[in-house]
N, C-alpha and C. Protein backbone atom coordinates (compact mmCIF):
# COMPACT_ATOMS: atom_id res chain seq x y z
N MET A 1 62.86 142.45 106.39
CA MET A 1 62.74 141.21 107.11
C MET A 1 63.35 141.39 108.47
N ASN A 2 62.51 141.17 109.41
CA ASN A 2 62.90 141.37 110.78
C ASN A 2 63.10 140.02 111.43
N THR A 3 64.37 139.55 111.46
CA THR A 3 64.67 138.23 112.01
C THR A 3 65.24 138.40 113.40
N ASN A 4 64.90 137.47 114.19
CA ASN A 4 65.40 137.43 115.55
C ASN A 4 66.92 137.25 115.52
N PRO A 5 67.69 138.09 116.26
CA PRO A 5 69.15 137.95 116.25
C PRO A 5 69.62 136.61 116.77
N THR A 6 68.93 136.02 117.64
CA THR A 6 69.32 134.70 118.15
C THR A 6 69.19 133.67 117.05
N LYS A 7 68.13 133.73 116.29
CA LYS A 7 67.97 132.77 115.18
C LYS A 7 69.08 132.94 114.15
N ARG A 8 69.43 134.22 113.88
CA ARG A 8 70.49 134.48 112.92
C ARG A 8 71.81 133.85 113.38
N ILE A 9 72.14 133.98 114.64
CA ILE A 9 73.37 133.41 115.19
C ILE A 9 73.32 131.88 115.07
N ILE A 10 72.17 131.30 115.33
CA ILE A 10 72.02 129.84 115.24
C ILE A 10 72.22 129.39 113.79
N TYR A 11 71.63 130.12 112.83
CA TYR A 11 71.83 129.79 111.41
C TYR A 11 73.31 129.86 111.02
N ILE A 12 73.98 130.90 111.49
CA ILE A 12 75.41 131.05 111.17
C ILE A 12 76.21 129.91 111.79
N LEU A 13 75.92 129.56 113.03
CA LEU A 13 76.63 128.46 113.69
C LEU A 13 76.39 127.13 112.97
N VAL A 14 75.16 126.88 112.58
CA VAL A 14 74.84 125.64 111.84
C VAL A 14 75.59 125.62 110.51
N ALA A 15 75.63 126.76 109.83
CA ALA A 15 76.34 126.83 108.55
C ALA A 15 77.84 126.57 108.75
N VAL A 16 78.46 127.17 109.78
CA VAL A 16 79.88 126.97 110.08
C VAL A 16 80.14 125.51 110.40
N ILE A 17 79.30 124.89 111.21
CA ILE A 17 79.46 123.47 111.58
C ILE A 17 79.36 122.59 110.34
N LEU A 18 78.39 122.84 109.47
CA LEU A 18 78.22 122.05 108.24
C LEU A 18 79.44 122.18 107.34
N VAL A 19 79.95 123.40 107.16
CA VAL A 19 81.13 123.62 106.32
C VAL A 19 82.32 122.89 106.94
N THR A 20 82.50 122.97 108.25
CA THR A 20 83.61 122.29 108.93
C THR A 20 83.52 120.78 108.75
N VAL A 21 82.33 120.21 108.90
CA VAL A 21 82.14 118.77 108.75
C VAL A 21 82.43 118.34 107.31
N ILE A 22 81.95 119.10 106.35
CA ILE A 22 82.17 118.78 104.94
C ILE A 22 83.66 118.87 104.61
N LEU A 23 84.34 119.93 105.04
CA LEU A 23 85.78 120.07 104.79
C LEU A 23 86.57 118.96 105.49
N GLY A 24 86.19 118.61 106.70
CA GLY A 24 86.87 117.54 107.43
C GLY A 24 86.71 116.20 106.73
N ALA A 25 85.49 115.92 106.26
CA ALA A 25 85.24 114.66 105.54
C ALA A 25 86.03 114.62 104.24
N PHE A 26 86.07 115.72 103.52
CA PHE A 26 86.83 115.78 102.27
C PHE A 26 88.33 115.58 102.54
N THR A 27 88.87 116.24 103.55
CA THR A 27 90.28 116.12 103.90
C THR A 27 90.61 114.67 104.28
N TYR A 28 89.78 114.05 105.10
CA TYR A 28 89.98 112.65 105.49
C TYR A 28 89.98 111.76 104.25
N TRP A 29 89.00 111.93 103.40
CA TRP A 29 88.91 111.11 102.17
C TRP A 29 90.14 111.33 101.29
N TYR A 30 90.57 112.57 101.11
CA TYR A 30 91.71 112.88 100.25
C TYR A 30 93.00 112.27 100.81
N LEU A 31 93.24 112.43 102.10
CA LEU A 31 94.45 111.88 102.71
C LEU A 31 94.46 110.36 102.66
N LYS A 32 93.33 109.76 102.94
CA LYS A 32 93.25 108.29 102.90
C LYS A 32 93.50 107.79 101.48
N ARG A 33 92.96 108.46 100.48
CA ARG A 33 93.14 108.07 99.08
C ARG A 33 94.60 108.22 98.67
N SER A 34 95.24 109.34 99.01
CA SER A 34 96.62 109.55 98.59
C SER A 34 97.57 108.62 99.35
N THR A 35 97.28 108.28 100.60
CA THR A 35 98.12 107.34 101.35
C THR A 35 98.03 105.95 100.74
N SER A 36 96.83 105.53 100.38
CA SER A 36 96.70 104.19 99.80
C SER A 36 97.37 104.11 98.43
N ILE A 37 97.45 105.21 97.74
CA ILE A 37 98.12 105.21 96.44
C ILE A 37 99.62 105.11 96.63
N THR A 38 100.18 105.87 97.58
CA THR A 38 101.64 105.88 97.74
C THR A 38 102.17 104.63 98.43
N THR A 39 101.34 103.92 99.18
CA THR A 39 101.84 102.74 99.86
C THR A 39 101.56 101.45 99.08
N LYS A 40 100.97 101.59 97.94
CA LYS A 40 100.70 100.42 97.11
C LYS A 40 102.02 99.83 96.62
N PRO A 41 102.25 98.49 96.77
CA PRO A 41 103.51 97.92 96.33
C PRO A 41 103.74 98.09 94.83
N THR A 42 104.98 98.36 94.48
CA THR A 42 105.35 98.53 93.09
C THR A 42 105.82 97.19 92.55
N PRO A 43 105.21 96.68 91.47
CA PRO A 43 105.69 95.43 90.92
C PRO A 43 107.09 95.59 90.34
N ILE A 44 107.96 94.57 90.58
CA ILE A 44 109.31 94.62 90.03
C ILE A 44 109.54 93.39 89.17
N SER A 45 110.42 93.55 88.20
CA SER A 45 110.72 92.43 87.33
C SER A 45 111.77 91.54 87.99
N SER A 46 111.90 90.34 87.52
CA SER A 46 112.86 89.38 88.05
C SER A 46 114.27 89.95 87.97
N GLY A 47 115.01 89.87 89.09
CA GLY A 47 116.38 90.34 89.12
C GLY A 47 116.53 91.81 89.47
N GLN A 48 115.42 92.56 89.48
CA GLN A 48 115.49 93.98 89.79
C GLN A 48 115.49 94.15 91.30
N VAL A 49 116.34 94.99 91.83
CA VAL A 49 116.42 95.25 93.25
C VAL A 49 115.99 96.69 93.50
N LEU A 50 115.07 96.87 94.42
CA LEU A 50 114.65 98.21 94.77
C LEU A 50 115.78 98.88 95.54
N GLU A 51 115.93 100.19 95.41
CA GLU A 51 117.02 100.92 96.05
C GLU A 51 117.00 100.75 97.56
N SER A 52 115.82 100.64 98.15
CA SER A 52 115.74 100.54 99.60
C SER A 52 116.04 99.14 100.11
N GLU A 53 116.08 98.15 99.23
CA GLU A 53 116.37 96.79 99.64
C GLU A 53 117.87 96.58 99.73
N THR A 54 118.29 95.79 100.71
CA THR A 54 119.69 95.43 100.83
C THR A 54 119.86 94.09 100.12
N PRO A 55 120.82 94.01 99.19
CA PRO A 55 121.00 92.74 98.49
C PRO A 55 121.51 91.68 99.46
N SER A 56 121.13 90.44 99.22
CA SER A 56 121.62 89.37 100.08
C SER A 56 123.08 89.11 99.74
N LEU A 57 123.81 88.64 100.73
CA LEU A 57 125.24 88.43 100.58
C LEU A 57 125.57 86.95 100.60
N THR A 58 126.67 86.61 99.95
CA THR A 58 127.18 85.25 99.91
C THR A 58 128.62 85.29 100.42
N THR A 59 128.99 84.31 101.24
CA THR A 59 130.36 84.20 101.72
C THR A 59 131.17 83.41 100.72
N VAL A 60 132.31 83.97 100.33
CA VAL A 60 133.22 83.32 99.39
C VAL A 60 134.62 83.34 100.00
N SER A 61 135.52 82.58 99.40
CA SER A 61 136.91 82.59 99.83
C SER A 61 137.75 83.37 98.83
N ILE A 62 138.60 84.20 99.36
CA ILE A 62 139.61 84.93 98.59
C ILE A 62 140.94 84.36 99.07
N PHE A 63 141.82 84.03 98.14
CA PHE A 63 143.08 83.41 98.54
C PHE A 63 144.21 84.43 98.55
N LEU A 64 144.95 84.43 99.64
CA LEU A 64 146.08 85.32 99.85
C LEU A 64 147.31 84.48 100.17
N ILE A 65 148.43 85.12 100.44
CA ILE A 65 149.70 84.42 100.57
C ILE A 65 150.25 84.52 101.99
N ALA A 66 150.58 83.36 102.56
CA ALA A 66 151.34 83.31 103.82
C ALA A 66 152.80 83.16 103.39
N GLN A 67 153.55 84.24 103.52
CA GLN A 67 154.92 84.26 103.00
C GLN A 67 155.87 83.42 103.86
N ASN A 68 156.74 82.69 103.16
CA ASN A 68 157.83 81.95 103.78
C ASN A 68 157.40 80.94 104.85
N ASP A 69 156.24 80.33 104.72
CA ASP A 69 155.84 79.35 105.72
C ASP A 69 155.97 77.91 105.21
N ASN A 70 156.52 77.74 104.01
CA ASN A 70 156.82 76.43 103.43
C ASN A 70 155.61 75.49 103.38
N GLY A 71 154.46 76.03 103.07
CA GLY A 71 153.27 75.21 102.88
C GLY A 71 152.58 74.77 104.16
N LYS A 72 152.91 75.34 105.30
CA LYS A 72 152.28 74.94 106.58
C LYS A 72 150.83 75.38 106.67
N ALA A 73 150.52 76.57 106.18
CA ALA A 73 149.17 77.13 106.34
C ALA A 73 148.24 76.78 105.17
N GLY A 74 148.79 76.28 104.07
CA GLY A 74 147.98 75.97 102.90
C GLY A 74 148.81 75.32 101.83
N LYS A 75 148.31 75.34 100.62
CA LYS A 75 149.00 74.74 99.49
C LYS A 75 150.32 75.49 99.23
N LEU A 76 151.41 74.75 99.07
CA LEU A 76 152.72 75.33 98.81
C LEU A 76 152.77 75.97 97.44
N VAL A 77 153.24 77.23 97.39
CA VAL A 77 153.41 77.95 96.11
C VAL A 77 154.71 78.72 96.13
N GLY A 78 155.25 78.94 94.95
CA GLY A 78 156.36 79.86 94.73
C GLY A 78 157.58 79.66 95.60
N CYS A 79 157.98 80.71 96.24
CA CYS A 79 159.23 80.78 97.00
C CYS A 79 159.02 80.33 98.45
N GLY A 80 158.43 79.18 98.65
CA GLY A 80 158.21 78.67 100.00
C GLY A 80 157.05 79.33 100.71
N ASP A 81 156.04 79.74 99.96
CA ASP A 81 154.85 80.38 100.52
C ASP A 81 153.69 79.38 100.56
N SER A 82 152.60 79.80 101.18
CA SER A 82 151.34 79.06 101.13
C SER A 82 150.25 79.98 100.60
N VAL A 83 149.30 79.40 99.90
CA VAL A 83 148.12 80.15 99.49
C VAL A 83 147.01 79.78 100.48
N VAL A 84 146.40 80.81 101.11
CA VAL A 84 145.50 80.62 102.23
C VAL A 84 144.17 81.35 101.97
N ALA A 85 143.06 80.72 102.32
CA ALA A 85 141.74 81.32 102.12
C ALA A 85 141.34 82.22 103.28
N VAL A 86 140.70 83.33 102.92
CA VAL A 86 140.03 84.19 103.89
C VAL A 86 138.60 84.39 103.39
N GLU A 87 137.67 84.51 104.30
CA GLU A 87 136.27 84.68 103.91
C GLU A 87 135.96 86.15 103.68
N ARG A 88 135.19 86.38 102.63
CA ARG A 88 134.71 87.72 102.29
C ARG A 88 133.24 87.60 101.89
N GLN A 89 132.54 88.73 101.89
CA GLN A 89 131.13 88.78 101.50
C GLN A 89 131.01 89.48 100.15
N VAL A 90 130.24 88.87 99.24
CA VAL A 90 129.90 89.49 97.96
C VAL A 90 128.39 89.41 97.80
N ALA A 91 127.86 90.27 96.95
CA ALA A 91 126.42 90.24 96.67
C ALA A 91 126.07 88.92 96.01
N SER A 92 124.97 88.33 96.42
CA SER A 92 124.52 87.07 95.83
C SER A 92 124.21 87.29 94.35
N THR A 93 124.71 86.39 93.53
CA THR A 93 124.54 86.51 92.08
C THR A 93 124.73 85.16 91.44
N ASP A 94 124.20 85.00 90.23
CA ASP A 94 124.46 83.79 89.45
C ASP A 94 125.89 83.80 88.91
N ALA A 95 126.49 84.97 88.78
CA ALA A 95 127.86 85.11 88.29
C ALA A 95 128.82 85.21 89.48
N ILE A 96 128.80 84.20 90.34
CA ILE A 96 129.56 84.23 91.59
C ILE A 96 131.06 84.26 91.37
N LEU A 97 131.58 83.55 90.36
CA LEU A 97 133.01 83.58 90.09
C LEU A 97 133.44 85.00 89.71
N LYS A 98 132.68 85.64 88.86
CA LYS A 98 132.97 87.03 88.45
C LYS A 98 133.01 87.94 89.68
N ALA A 99 132.01 87.85 90.53
CA ALA A 99 131.94 88.69 91.72
C ALA A 99 133.11 88.42 92.66
N THR A 100 133.53 87.16 92.75
CA THR A 100 134.62 86.80 93.66
C THR A 100 135.96 87.31 93.14
N ILE A 101 136.21 87.16 91.84
CA ILE A 101 137.47 87.68 91.26
C ILE A 101 137.50 89.21 91.38
N GLU A 102 136.37 89.86 91.16
CA GLU A 102 136.31 91.32 91.32
C GLU A 102 136.60 91.73 92.76
N GLU A 103 136.13 90.93 93.71
CA GLU A 103 136.43 91.20 95.12
C GLU A 103 137.93 91.08 95.39
N LEU A 104 138.57 90.05 94.85
CA LEU A 104 140.01 89.88 95.00
C LEU A 104 140.75 91.09 94.43
N LEU A 105 140.38 91.50 93.24
CA LEU A 105 141.06 92.62 92.59
C LEU A 105 140.80 93.96 93.28
N SER A 106 139.71 94.06 94.02
CA SER A 106 139.38 95.31 94.71
C SER A 106 140.20 95.51 95.98
N MET A 107 140.83 94.46 96.46
CA MET A 107 141.62 94.54 97.69
C MET A 107 142.96 95.22 97.36
N LYS A 108 143.19 96.39 97.91
CA LYS A 108 144.38 97.18 97.55
C LYS A 108 145.41 97.31 98.66
N ASP A 109 145.20 96.65 99.78
CA ASP A 109 146.20 96.68 100.84
C ASP A 109 147.23 95.58 100.60
N GLN A 110 148.49 95.87 100.93
CA GLN A 110 149.56 94.89 100.74
C GLN A 110 149.37 93.69 101.66
N PHE A 111 148.92 93.95 102.88
CA PHE A 111 148.71 92.87 103.85
C PHE A 111 147.26 92.90 104.31
N TYR A 112 146.67 91.72 104.45
CA TYR A 112 145.26 91.60 104.81
C TYR A 112 145.11 91.75 106.32
N THR A 113 144.52 92.80 106.75
CA THR A 113 144.27 93.13 108.16
C THR A 113 145.50 92.81 109.00
N LYS A 114 145.27 92.30 110.20
CA LYS A 114 146.38 91.98 111.10
C LYS A 114 146.89 90.56 110.89
N SER A 115 146.29 89.84 109.96
CA SER A 115 146.69 88.45 109.72
C SER A 115 148.10 88.35 109.15
N GLY A 116 148.54 89.41 108.48
CA GLY A 116 149.86 89.39 107.86
C GLY A 116 149.88 88.68 106.52
N LEU A 117 148.73 88.21 106.03
CA LEU A 117 148.67 87.56 104.72
C LEU A 117 148.93 88.60 103.63
N TYR A 118 149.72 88.22 102.68
CA TYR A 118 150.18 89.11 101.63
C TYR A 118 149.26 89.03 100.42
N ASN A 119 149.02 90.18 99.79
CA ASN A 119 148.20 90.28 98.59
C ASN A 119 149.08 90.75 97.44
N ALA A 120 149.42 89.84 96.54
CA ALA A 120 150.30 90.17 95.41
C ALA A 120 149.66 91.18 94.46
N TYR A 121 148.36 91.35 94.51
CA TYR A 121 147.64 92.26 93.61
C TYR A 121 147.56 93.69 94.14
N TYR A 122 148.15 93.97 95.28
CA TYR A 122 147.97 95.29 95.90
C TYR A 122 148.49 96.43 95.05
N GLN A 123 149.50 96.21 94.23
CA GLN A 123 150.09 97.31 93.46
C GLN A 123 149.68 97.31 91.99
N THR A 124 148.68 96.53 91.64
CA THR A 124 148.21 96.52 90.26
C THR A 124 146.93 97.33 90.13
N ASP A 125 146.59 97.67 88.90
CA ASP A 125 145.29 98.30 88.64
C ASP A 125 144.46 97.39 87.74
N LEU A 126 144.67 96.10 87.87
CA LEU A 126 143.97 95.14 87.02
C LEU A 126 142.48 95.13 87.30
N LYS A 127 141.72 94.98 86.23
CA LYS A 127 140.26 94.86 86.29
C LYS A 127 139.85 93.60 85.56
N LEU A 128 138.73 93.04 85.95
CA LEU A 128 138.20 91.85 85.28
C LEU A 128 137.49 92.28 84.01
N ALA A 129 137.96 91.77 82.87
CA ALA A 129 137.32 92.07 81.58
C ALA A 129 136.26 91.02 81.26
N ASN A 130 136.57 89.77 81.56
CA ASN A 130 135.66 88.68 81.20
C ASN A 130 136.02 87.44 81.99
N VAL A 131 135.02 86.65 82.28
CA VAL A 131 135.23 85.34 82.87
C VAL A 131 134.27 84.37 82.19
N ASN A 132 134.78 83.19 81.85
CA ASN A 132 133.97 82.21 81.16
C ASN A 132 134.35 80.83 81.69
N ILE A 133 133.35 80.00 81.95
CA ILE A 133 133.60 78.63 82.38
C ILE A 133 133.01 77.70 81.33
N GLU A 134 133.87 76.84 80.77
CA GLU A 134 133.43 75.89 79.77
C GLU A 134 134.17 74.57 79.97
N ASN A 135 133.40 73.49 80.13
CA ASN A 135 133.96 72.15 80.34
C ASN A 135 134.96 72.12 81.50
N GLY A 136 134.64 72.82 82.59
CA GLY A 136 135.49 72.82 83.78
C GLY A 136 136.67 73.76 83.72
N VAL A 137 136.86 74.47 82.61
CA VAL A 137 137.98 75.41 82.45
C VAL A 137 137.46 76.84 82.60
N ALA A 138 137.99 77.54 83.60
CA ALA A 138 137.64 78.95 83.79
C ALA A 138 138.68 79.79 83.07
N THR A 139 138.24 80.59 82.12
CA THR A 139 139.12 81.52 81.43
C THR A 139 138.85 82.90 82.02
N ILE A 140 139.88 83.46 82.65
CA ILE A 140 139.75 84.74 83.34
C ILE A 140 140.63 85.75 82.60
N LYS A 141 139.98 86.79 82.06
CA LYS A 141 140.69 87.81 81.30
C LYS A 141 140.71 89.11 82.10
N LEU A 142 141.94 89.58 82.35
CA LEU A 142 142.15 90.81 83.09
C LEU A 142 142.74 91.87 82.17
N THR A 143 142.47 93.13 82.48
CA THR A 143 143.08 94.23 81.74
C THR A 143 143.67 95.20 82.74
N GLY A 144 144.68 95.93 82.29
CA GLY A 144 145.29 96.93 83.15
C GLY A 144 146.78 96.73 83.24
N THR A 145 147.37 97.35 84.25
CA THR A 145 148.81 97.29 84.44
C THR A 145 149.17 96.21 85.44
N PHE A 146 150.05 95.31 85.02
CA PHE A 146 150.53 94.23 85.87
C PHE A 146 151.85 94.67 86.50
N SER A 147 151.90 94.74 87.81
CA SER A 147 153.12 95.13 88.52
C SER A 147 153.52 94.01 89.46
N SER A 148 154.79 93.69 89.48
CA SER A 148 155.29 92.60 90.30
C SER A 148 156.48 93.08 91.11
N SER A 149 156.59 92.55 92.33
CA SER A 149 157.72 92.91 93.20
C SER A 149 158.90 91.97 93.01
N GLY A 150 158.83 91.09 92.03
CA GLY A 150 159.95 90.18 91.78
C GLY A 150 159.49 88.78 91.43
N THR A 151 160.45 87.89 91.28
CA THR A 151 160.14 86.53 90.82
C THR A 151 159.27 85.76 91.79
N CYS A 152 159.30 86.07 93.07
CA CYS A 152 158.44 85.37 94.03
C CYS A 152 156.97 85.78 93.88
N ASP A 153 156.72 87.01 93.40
CA ASP A 153 155.35 87.46 93.21
C ASP A 153 154.66 86.76 92.04
N ASP A 154 155.42 86.35 91.03
CA ASP A 154 154.81 85.74 89.84
C ASP A 154 153.96 84.52 90.19
N PRO A 155 154.48 83.53 90.94
CA PRO A 155 153.62 82.40 91.29
C PRO A 155 152.51 82.78 92.28
N ARG A 156 152.72 83.83 93.04
CA ARG A 156 151.69 84.29 93.98
C ARG A 156 150.48 84.82 93.21
N PHE A 157 150.74 85.63 92.17
CA PHE A 157 149.65 86.15 91.32
C PHE A 157 148.79 85.00 90.81
N LYS A 158 149.47 84.05 90.22
CA LYS A 158 148.76 82.92 89.60
C LYS A 158 148.00 82.12 90.65
N ALA A 159 148.63 81.82 91.77
CA ALA A 159 147.99 81.02 92.81
C ALA A 159 146.77 81.70 93.40
N GLN A 160 146.86 83.01 93.62
CA GLN A 160 145.72 83.71 94.20
C GLN A 160 144.48 83.60 93.32
N VAL A 161 144.64 83.82 92.02
CA VAL A 161 143.48 83.74 91.12
C VAL A 161 143.03 82.29 90.95
N GLU A 162 143.99 81.37 90.72
CA GLU A 162 143.63 79.96 90.50
C GLU A 162 142.86 79.39 91.68
N GLU A 163 143.39 79.54 92.88
CA GLU A 163 142.73 78.95 94.05
C GLU A 163 141.40 79.63 94.36
N THR A 164 141.31 80.94 94.11
CA THR A 164 140.04 81.64 94.30
C THR A 164 138.99 81.08 93.35
N ALA A 165 139.38 80.79 92.11
CA ALA A 165 138.44 80.24 91.12
C ALA A 165 138.11 78.77 91.40
N LYS A 166 139.09 78.00 91.84
CA LYS A 166 138.90 76.55 92.03
C LYS A 166 138.05 76.20 93.25
N GLN A 167 137.69 77.18 94.06
CA GLN A 167 136.80 76.88 95.19
C GLN A 167 135.41 76.47 94.71
N PHE A 168 135.09 76.82 93.46
CA PHE A 168 133.78 76.52 92.93
C PHE A 168 133.82 75.17 92.21
N PRO A 169 132.85 74.30 92.46
CA PRO A 169 132.89 72.94 91.92
C PRO A 169 132.86 72.86 90.39
N THR A 170 132.43 73.89 89.72
CA THR A 170 132.39 73.86 88.25
C THR A 170 133.74 74.19 87.63
N VAL A 171 134.73 74.56 88.45
CA VAL A 171 136.05 74.95 87.95
C VAL A 171 137.09 73.90 88.32
N LYS A 172 137.70 73.29 87.31
CA LYS A 172 138.77 72.30 87.52
C LYS A 172 140.12 72.83 87.09
N GLU A 173 140.12 73.75 86.12
CA GLU A 173 141.36 74.32 85.57
C GLU A 173 141.13 75.80 85.34
N VAL A 174 142.21 76.60 85.44
CA VAL A 174 142.09 78.05 85.28
C VAL A 174 143.13 78.54 84.28
N LYS A 175 142.68 79.35 83.34
CA LYS A 175 143.57 80.04 82.39
C LYS A 175 143.42 81.53 82.66
N ILE A 176 144.58 82.18 82.89
CA ILE A 176 144.57 83.60 83.23
C ILE A 176 145.24 84.39 82.11
N TYR A 177 144.54 85.42 81.64
CA TYR A 177 145.08 86.31 80.60
C TYR A 177 145.11 87.73 81.16
N ILE A 178 146.21 88.42 80.86
CA ILE A 178 146.31 89.84 81.19
C ILE A 178 146.60 90.57 79.89
N ASN A 179 145.68 91.44 79.51
CA ASN A 179 145.78 92.18 78.24
C ASN A 179 146.02 91.21 77.07
N ASP A 180 145.27 90.13 77.03
CA ASP A 180 145.28 89.11 75.98
C ASP A 180 146.55 88.27 75.90
N LYS A 181 147.41 88.32 76.93
CA LYS A 181 148.56 87.43 77.00
C LYS A 181 148.39 86.55 78.22
N THR A 182 148.84 85.29 78.13
CA THR A 182 148.73 84.42 79.29
C THR A 182 149.63 84.94 80.41
N ILE A 183 149.28 84.60 81.62
CA ILE A 183 150.09 85.05 82.76
C ILE A 183 151.50 84.47 82.67
N GLU A 184 151.62 83.27 82.09
CA GLU A 184 152.94 82.66 81.91
C GLU A 184 153.79 83.47 80.94
N GLU A 185 153.17 83.95 79.83
CA GLU A 185 153.91 84.79 78.89
C GLU A 185 154.40 86.08 79.55
N ILE A 186 153.57 86.68 80.33
CA ILE A 186 153.92 87.95 80.97
C ILE A 186 155.02 87.75 82.01
N THR A 187 154.89 86.73 82.84
CA THR A 187 155.89 86.55 83.90
C THR A 187 157.22 86.04 83.35
N SER A 188 157.22 85.36 82.21
CA SER A 188 158.49 84.86 81.64
C SER A 188 159.25 85.97 80.92
N GLN A 189 158.62 87.10 80.62
CA GLN A 189 159.27 88.20 79.89
C GLN A 189 160.10 89.10 80.80
N LYS A 190 160.15 88.82 82.05
CA LYS A 190 160.92 89.69 82.97
C LYS A 190 162.38 89.38 82.94
């Protein structure tokens, strides 16, 4: 078969162009298909948070102690101190009292920033075991080691938790337990 070399080159060029067009169309289709699959929203169940989402925050009050101010800055407690609110952010939740008490217990500095407000819980390793609200009474159960700097710290401990809990309208009274003993039992044993 004696074919013209020019025709042969044209056939080869047409074949190369057809293969290129077919491969390009396939690549476009494949990429478009895989992109639409990976960007499809994933259904989530109620209460589930995706890792990439930032949870919404709620502002709550944590109560600390203004030492020796004789009740000028807040409610008078203990040895002439005041219990004073500071605002903190916690993740929004239906269990807001639990989250707020956990925030209080997580604060490990003796004094809150430059305010000079004292945190009686700074030297404890207490953790929240359970919180329950029933008929306006919040029962807060803590576990861990209770450490106190003296008799003035005892009413500070109680006031910080009580006032932090009482900011919520469903709480009228607070009972605090540490390792299944009331805070009054623990502080009276010193």
